[in-house]
Protein backbone atom coordinates (compact mmCIF):
# COMPACT_ATOMS: atom_id res chain seq x y z
CA MET A 1 -127.50 137.26 -190.02
CA LEU A 2 -128.57 135.28 -186.87
CA LEU A 3 -128.13 131.56 -186.69
CA PRO A 4 -130.77 129.43 -184.90
CA THR A 5 -129.67 128.46 -181.63
CA VAL A 6 -129.71 125.08 -180.36
CA CYS A 7 -132.66 125.94 -177.97
CA GLN A 8 -134.74 127.09 -181.30
CA TYR A 9 -133.76 123.63 -183.00
CA THR A 10 -134.97 121.78 -179.83
CA GLU A 11 -138.13 123.84 -179.65
CA ASP A 12 -139.16 123.58 -183.29
CA HIS A 13 -138.39 119.76 -183.15
CA GLY A 14 -140.79 119.77 -180.20
CA ARG A 15 -143.53 121.33 -181.69
CA SER A 16 -143.00 119.48 -185.28
CA LEU A 17 -143.95 116.25 -182.85
CA GLY A 18 -146.91 118.08 -181.07
CA LEU A 19 -145.16 117.94 -177.88
CA SER A 20 -145.60 120.89 -174.88
CA GLY A 21 -142.47 121.75 -172.77
CA TRP A 22 -139.63 124.27 -172.74
CA VAL A 23 -135.81 124.30 -173.15
CA LYS A 24 -133.12 126.43 -171.70
CA ASN A 25 -129.34 126.86 -172.10
CA THR A 26 -127.35 126.90 -168.65
CA ARG A 27 -124.57 128.85 -167.93
CA GLN A 28 -122.40 125.44 -167.87
CA GLY A 29 -123.13 125.26 -171.80
CA THR A 30 -125.47 122.51 -171.42
CA VAL A 31 -129.20 122.40 -172.08
CA ILE A 32 -131.77 121.75 -169.67
CA GLY A 33 -135.81 121.15 -170.16
CA GLN A 34 -139.17 119.41 -169.66
CA ILE A 35 -141.36 117.57 -172.33
CA GLN A 36 -144.88 116.61 -172.14
CA GLY A 37 -146.93 114.65 -174.39
CA PRO A 38 -147.93 111.22 -175.65
CA PRO A 39 -145.23 108.61 -174.70
CA GLY A 40 -144.24 107.38 -178.47
CA LYS A 41 -143.66 111.16 -179.08
CA VAL A 42 -141.78 112.13 -175.73
CA ASN A 43 -139.51 108.85 -176.69
CA ASP A 44 -139.06 110.16 -180.46
CA MET A 45 -137.80 113.40 -178.72
CA LYS A 46 -135.59 111.54 -176.58
CA LEU A 47 -134.23 109.84 -179.46
CA TRP A 48 -133.54 113.38 -181.50
CA LEU A 49 -131.85 114.90 -178.35
CA LYS A 50 -129.75 111.84 -177.69
CA SER A 51 -128.17 111.25 -181.31
CA VAL A 52 -129.20 114.45 -183.54
CA GLY A 53 -129.89 117.59 -181.98
CA SER A 54 -129.08 120.83 -183.59
CA PRO A 55 -126.62 121.21 -186.46
CA SER A 56 -124.46 123.54 -183.98
CA SER A 57 -124.31 121.02 -180.94
CA ARG A 58 -122.25 118.36 -179.47
CA ILE A 59 -123.77 115.83 -178.07
CA ASP A 60 -121.63 114.20 -175.21
CA ARG A 61 -124.45 112.75 -173.14
CA ALA A 62 -128.21 112.99 -172.68
CA VAL A 63 -129.66 112.36 -168.95
CA PHE A 64 -133.17 112.27 -168.50
CA SER A 65 -134.61 112.00 -165.05
CA ASN A 66 -137.83 112.88 -162.94
CA GLU A 67 -139.91 110.85 -165.57
CA ARG A 68 -143.24 110.35 -164.93
CA GLU A 69 -146.75 109.80 -166.33
CA ILE A 70 -149.22 112.57 -166.07
CA SER A 71 -152.84 112.61 -166.55
CA LYS A 72 -153.21 115.75 -168.56
CA LEU A 73 -150.69 118.33 -169.62
CA GLU A 74 -149.20 120.91 -167.18
CA ILE A 75 -147.25 123.07 -169.65
CA HIS A 76 -148.99 123.99 -173.17
CA GLY A 77 -147.11 125.03 -176.26
CA PHE A 78 -143.37 124.63 -176.28
CA SER A 79 -140.91 127.64 -175.61
CA THR A 80 -137.44 128.84 -174.83
CA ARG A 81 -136.56 130.31 -171.21
CA HIS A 82 -133.95 132.53 -170.60
């Protein structure tokens, strides 16, 4: 039986909030990604990433960088990249 990954939980949560973006595990054991959507929903996702995450994750810190407002979505849907 395969258990859902950190990325799968993140992807599912992003979709549940109606966000677009992607998530990816790094070789260093961290997770990176990009989120797009309404500011309030993006903030909800950031709070979830900082304090909840997936059941199997250990959150040491969350860093959000290169934040900017966009006039239209540049990514459609939410996916896991490999």
